[in-house]
Amino acid sequence: MSGSDTPTRPLTFERLPEFRNKSEAISAFLRDQLTAHLETLRPILSPERLFGKSAGAKADAPLADRALAQLQQSYRPFAGPPFDLPAEFDPYWLSLVGNRVALYPWEYTHEATDGRQTRSISMTSPVRWVVSFNSGYTLSQLRQAILTKGERRPEHVRQFVVNALVAQLVVTHTPGLAGLFADLRYDVQTHPAPDLPKLPLTTLTSGLPSFRPSDDLILGATSFSGVPAFVELIDIDAIAQLEDPLKARLEERLR
């Protein structure tokens, strides 16, 4: 889901500030809500629950050996470009993951064109976040380190990758978690990072849809700001049609 799944709809430049302000307010509310939910779930999402002593727990876990083998297998592709991590997985890295859950905005690159010019625009979703464990790099910093020739901290790159792989395994091995978030109107999925091949990212997406305005408007707005970055806009009209999962299931039972 690089952003190609995001619908495009017309919007006038005059209405852009209104949609932008409302989108920012709703996105901030959703992020705060998710942060609170994830903090409540921190004991369930703790790597120690799955990996046992390998993650620093005092006791072992029933699936620890299997989970560690899966982690080592998932790590292997990152020894090559563009990550260039050490070939052998060091179990010590697992003890560095911790249990502080982090949320990062979902970002991708959109090639906007108006017939006269084409520009690469960094797009951000206001309704989708990557969930992982806190590390030295944010997702944006990782992309910057991998995709540019600037300075990179190899240990931060490595730990971000390890943390993302651990997050994927923790979510996979937590039955009922996807259903719980569905009841809260969030969809849990794993996607490859748009600009970072092979890296699986666990995402939480609100049931509230977002959209991209026309490329003409995006190019006009980014030219005005001087920054080649744009945040998708939330479909405000969709709030009235937002479905209640519990209501939908009860109505299905009564048919």
Protein backbone atom coordinates (compact mmCIF):
# COMPACT_ATOMS: atom_id res chain seq x y z
CA MET A 1 0.00 0.00 0.00
CA SER A 2 2.28 2.69 -1.27
CA GLY A 3 -0.56 5.18 -1.59
CA SER A 4 -1.94 3.85 -4.84
CA ASP A 5 -4.99 2.73 -2.85
CA THR A 6 -5.73 6.31 -1.83
CA PRO A 7 -8.62 7.75 -3.86
CA THR A 8 -8.37 11.11 -5.61
CA ARG A 9 -11.21 13.61 -5.51
CA PRO A 10 -11.59 17.20 -6.70
CA LEU A 11 -11.07 20.07 -4.31
CA THR A 12 -10.74 23.80 -4.90
CA PHE A 13 -7.71 25.70 -3.62
CA GLU A 14 -10.07 27.95 -1.63
CA ARG A 15 -11.40 24.99 0.37
CA LEU A 16 -7.97 23.49 1.04
CA PRO A 17 -7.35 25.40 4.34
CA GLU A 18 -10.73 24.25 5.71
CA PHE A 19 -10.08 20.59 4.89
CA ARG A 20 -6.50 20.82 6.11
CA ASN A 21 -7.46 22.29 9.50
CA LYS A 22 -10.23 19.75 10.06
CA SER A 23 -8.00 16.88 8.92
CA GLU A 24 -5.23 17.93 11.31
CA ALA A 25 -7.66 18.11 14.24
CA ILE A 26 -9.19 14.69 13.53
CA SER A 27 -5.81 13.08 12.84
CA ALA A 28 -4.43 14.38 16.14
CA PHE A 29 -7.47 12.98 17.97
CA LEU A 30 -7.08 9.57 16.30
CA ARG A 31 -3.36 9.44 17.07
CA ASP A 32 -3.95 10.33 20.73
CA GLN A 33 -6.65 7.68 20.92
CA LEU A 34 -4.36 5.03 19.40
CA THR A 35 -1.51 6.02 21.71
CA ALA A 36 -3.76 5.54 24.74
CA HIS A 37 -4.99 2.15 23.48
CA LEU A 38 -1.46 0.94 22.80
CA GLU A 39 -0.30 2.05 26.24
CA THR A 40 -3.12 0.01 27.80
CA LEU A 41 -2.09 -2.99 25.68
CA ARG A 42 1.63 -2.61 26.43
CA PRO A 43 1.82 -5.75 28.67
CA ILE A 44 0.17 -7.81 25.92
CA LEU A 45 2.43 -6.38 23.23
CA SER A 46 5.63 -6.80 25.25
CA PRO A 47 8.28 -8.87 23.38
CA GLU A 48 9.04 -10.62 26.68
CA ARG A 49 5.65 -12.33 26.52
CA LEU A 50 6.59 -13.97 23.22
CA PHE A 51 10.38 -14.34 23.36
CA GLY A 52 10.80 -14.99 27.09
CA LYS A 53 14.35 -14.85 28.42
CA SER A 54 15.76 -13.91 24.99
CA ALA A 55 13.98 -10.55 25.35
CA GLY A 56 14.99 -10.04 28.99
CA ALA A 57 12.12 -11.82 30.77
CA LYS A 58 12.80 -13.71 33.98
CA ALA A 59 10.91 -16.77 32.76
CA ASP A 60 10.76 -18.55 29.44
CA ALA A 61 7.77 -18.41 27.09
CA PRO A 62 6.08 -21.41 25.43
CA LEU A 63 6.73 -20.16 21.87
CA ALA A 64 10.12 -18.54 22.55
CA ASP A 65 12.27 -20.92 20.50
CA ARG A 66 9.88 -20.91 17.56
CA ALA A 67 9.52 -17.11 17.64
CA LEU A 68 13.31 -16.61 17.79
CA ALA A 69 13.78 -18.94 14.81
CA GLN A 70 11.16 -16.96 12.86
CA LEU A 71 12.89 -13.70 13.76
CA GLN A 72 16.27 -15.00 12.62
CA GLN A 73 14.74 -16.18 9.34
CA SER A 74 12.99 -12.84 8.75
CA TYR A 75 16.23 -10.96 9.44
CA ARG A 76 18.35 -12.70 6.76
CA PRO A 77 17.30 -10.57 3.72
CA PHE A 78 18.58 -7.40 5.40
CA ALA A 79 22.23 -8.42 5.19
CA GLY A 80 22.23 -7.15 1.59
CA PRO A 81 21.56 -3.72 0.05
CA PRO A 82 20.14 -1.24 0.83
CA PHE A 83 20.29 -2.08 4.55
CA ASP A 84 23.68 -3.84 4.64
CA LEU A 85 23.23 -5.22 8.15
CA PRO A 86 25.53 -7.84 9.71
CA ALA A 87 24.94 -11.26 8.15
CA GLU A 88 24.45 -13.06 11.46
CA PHE A 89 21.62 -12.17 13.82
CA ASP A 90 22.86 -11.48 17.34
CA PRO A 91 20.26 -12.54 19.97
CA TYR A 92 21.52 -9.67 22.15
CA TRP A 93 19.73 -7.23 19.81
CA LEU A 94 16.43 -8.72 20.94
CA SER A 95 17.10 -7.58 24.50
CA LEU A 96 17.44 -4.00 23.19
CA VAL A 97 13.90 -3.86 21.78
CA GLY A 98 12.23 -2.90 25.06
CA ASN A 99 8.46 -2.48 25.36
CA ARG A 100 7.93 1.20 24.49
CA VAL A 101 5.48 1.18 21.59
CA ALA A 102 6.02 3.87 18.93
CA LEU A 103 3.67 5.25 16.26
CA TYR A 104 5.04 6.63 13.00
CA PRO A 105 2.99 8.29 10.23
CA TRP A 106 2.61 6.21 7.07
CA GLU A 107 4.60 7.95 4.33
CA TYR A 108 5.12 7.34 0.63
CA THR A 109 6.31 9.18 -2.47
CA HIS A 110 3.79 10.40 -5.03
CA GLU A 111 4.81 11.52 -8.50
CA ALA A 112 2.55 14.53 -9.09
CA THR A 113 2.21 15.89 -12.60
CA ASP A 114 0.17 18.66 -14.19
CA GLY A 115 1.25 18.21 -17.78
CA ARG A 116 4.02 20.78 -17.49
CA GLN A 117 6.06 19.38 -14.63
CA THR A 118 6.42 16.24 -12.53
CA ARG A 119 7.63 16.41 -8.96
CA SER A 120 8.25 13.77 -6.30
CA ILE A 121 6.06 14.69 -3.34
CA SER A 122 6.46 13.13 0.09
CA MET A 123 2.94 12.16 1.13
CA THR A 124 1.71 11.41 4.65
CA SER A 125 -1.49 9.66 5.64
CA PRO A 126 -3.55 11.29 8.44
CA VAL A 127 -5.36 8.03 9.22
CA ARG A 128 -2.67 5.31 9.01
CA TRP A 129 0.25 4.73 11.35
CA VAL A 130 3.11 2.27 11.59
CA VAL A 131 3.32 0.60 15.00
CA SER A 132 6.68 -0.66 16.21
CA PHE A 133 8.96 -0.37 19.22
CA ASN A 134 10.90 2.77 19.99
CA SER A 135 14.42 2.95 18.56
CA GLY A 136 17.15 5.47 17.79
CA TYR A 137 15.64 6.28 14.39
CA THR A 138 12.10 7.27 13.53
CA LEU A 139 10.66 5.88 10.29
CA SER A 140 11.41 9.16 8.51
CA GLN A 141 15.00 9.11 9.74
CA LEU A 142 15.40 5.51 8.60
CA ARG A 143 14.16 6.39 5.11
CA GLN A 144 16.53 9.34 5.02
CA ALA A 145 19.47 7.16 6.08
CA ILE A 146 18.70 4.38 3.59
CA LEU A 147 17.59 6.39 0.56
CA THR A 148 20.14 9.21 0.63
CA LYS A 149 23.91 9.32 0.75
CA GLY A 150 23.90 11.18 4.03
CA GLU A 151 25.33 9.96 7.30
CA ARG A 152 23.80 6.79 8.68
CA ARG A 153 24.05 5.21 12.11
CA PRO A 154 24.33 1.45 11.37
CA GLU A 155 23.24 0.50 14.89
CA HIS A 156 20.08 2.63 14.57
CA VAL A 157 19.26 1.11 11.17
CA ARG A 158 19.77 -2.38 12.55
CA GLN A 159 17.63 -1.80 15.63
CA PHE A 160 14.79 -0.24 13.64
CA VAL A 161 14.70 -3.32 11.41
CA VAL A 162 14.84 -5.71 14.37
CA ASN A 163 12.13 -3.78 16.21
CA ALA A 164 9.85 -3.80 13.15
CA LEU A 165 10.31 -7.56 12.72
CA VAL A 166 9.62 -8.14 16.41
CA ALA A 167 6.46 -5.99 16.23
CA GLN A 168 5.20 -8.04 13.30
CA LEU A 169 5.77 -11.31 15.17
CA VAL A 170 4.20 -10.03 18.41
CA VAL A 171 1.05 -8.94 16.54
CA THR A 172 0.94 -12.21 14.56
CA HIS A 173 1.19 -14.29 17.74
CA THR A 174 -1.45 -12.32 19.65
CA PRO A 175 -4.80 -13.92 18.81
CA GLY A 176 -7.75 -11.58 18.96
CA LEU A 177 -5.70 -8.40 18.59
CA ALA A 178 -6.95 -7.71 15.07
CA GLY A 179 -10.55 -8.25 16.21
CA LEU A 180 -10.05 -5.93 19.17
CA PHE A 181 -8.78 -3.12 16.95
CA ALA A 182 -11.56 -3.79 14.43
CA ASP A 183 -14.06 -3.12 17.22
CA LEU A 184 -12.26 0.19 17.75
CA ARG A 185 -12.55 0.89 13.98
CA TYR A 186 -8.89 0.26 13.18
CA ASP A 187 -7.59 -2.22 10.64
CA VAL A 188 -4.38 -4.11 11.47
CA GLN A 189 -2.24 -5.16 8.51
CA THR A 190 1.38 -5.71 7.53
CA HIS A 191 2.71 -3.97 4.42
CA PRO A 192 6.14 -3.67 2.82
CA ALA A 193 7.56 -0.20 3.20
CA PRO A 194 7.04 1.77 -0.05
CA ASP A 195 10.66 2.93 -0.35
CA LEU A 196 12.32 0.23 1.76
CA PRO A 197 12.17 -3.16 0.04
CA LYS A 198 11.61 -6.25 2.16
CA LEU A 199 10.88 -4.33 5.37
CA PRO A 200 7.47 -5.39 6.75
CA LEU A 201 5.67 -2.66 8.64
CA THR A 202 2.68 -3.29 10.89
CA THR A 203 0.05 -0.62 10.34
CA LEU A 204 -3.09 0.57 12.09
CA THR A 205 -5.56 2.30 9.79
CA SER A 206 -8.67 4.19 10.87
CA GLY A 207 -12.01 3.32 9.32
CA LEU A 208 -12.25 6.99 8.35
CA PRO A 209 -11.05 7.38 4.73
CA SER A 210 -8.61 9.95 3.40
CA PHE A 211 -8.03 11.21 -0.14
CA ARG A 212 -5.59 13.06 -2.34
CA PRO A 213 -6.73 16.18 -4.18
CA SER A 214 -5.71 16.68 -7.79
CA ASP A 215 -2.04 16.83 -8.72
CA ASP A 216 -2.58 20.42 -9.86
CA LEU A 217 -3.62 21.42 -6.35
CA ILE A 218 -0.81 19.42 -4.70
CA LEU A 219 1.79 21.01 -6.96
CA GLY A 220 0.32 24.47 -6.39
CA ALA A 221 0.27 24.05 -2.62
CA THR A 222 3.80 22.64 -2.40
CA SER A 223 5.17 25.33 -4.73
CA PHE A 224 3.58 27.97 -2.49
CA SER A 225 5.04 26.43 0.70
CA GLY A 226 8.40 25.61 -0.86
CA VAL A 227 8.33 22.15 0.76
CA PRO A 228 7.76 19.06 -1.44
CA ALA A 229 5.51 17.41 1.14
CA PHE A 230 1.74 17.08 1.46
CA VAL A 231 -0.61 15.42 3.95
CA GLU A 232 -3.64 13.58 2.58
CA LEU A 233 -7.00 15.05 3.58
CA ILE A 234 -9.66 13.26 5.61
CA ASP A 235 -13.02 12.78 3.95
CA ILE A 236 -15.07 14.84 6.39
CA ASP A 237 -18.38 13.82 4.79
CA ALA A 238 -17.62 10.17 5.58
CA ILE A 239 -17.91 10.78 9.33
CA ALA A 240 -21.70 10.67 9.09
CA GLN A 241 -21.51 7.27 7.33
CA LEU A 242 -18.95 5.75 9.72
CA GLU A 243 -20.23 2.27 10.63
CA ASP A 244 -20.41 0.82 14.11
CA PRO A 245 -18.91 -2.74 13.97
CA LEU A 246 -21.02 -3.96 16.91
CA LYS A 247 -24.22 -2.55 15.40
CA ALA A 248 -23.42 -4.17 12.05
CA ARG A 249 -22.87 -7.60 13.64
CA LEU A 250 -26.06 -7.37 15.72
CA GLU A 251 -28.09 -6.40 12.65
CA GLU A 252 -26.56 -9.35 10.78
CA ARG A 253 -27.71 -11.72 13.57
CA LEU A 254 -31.26 -10.41 13.31
CA ARG A 255 -31.64 -10.95 9.56
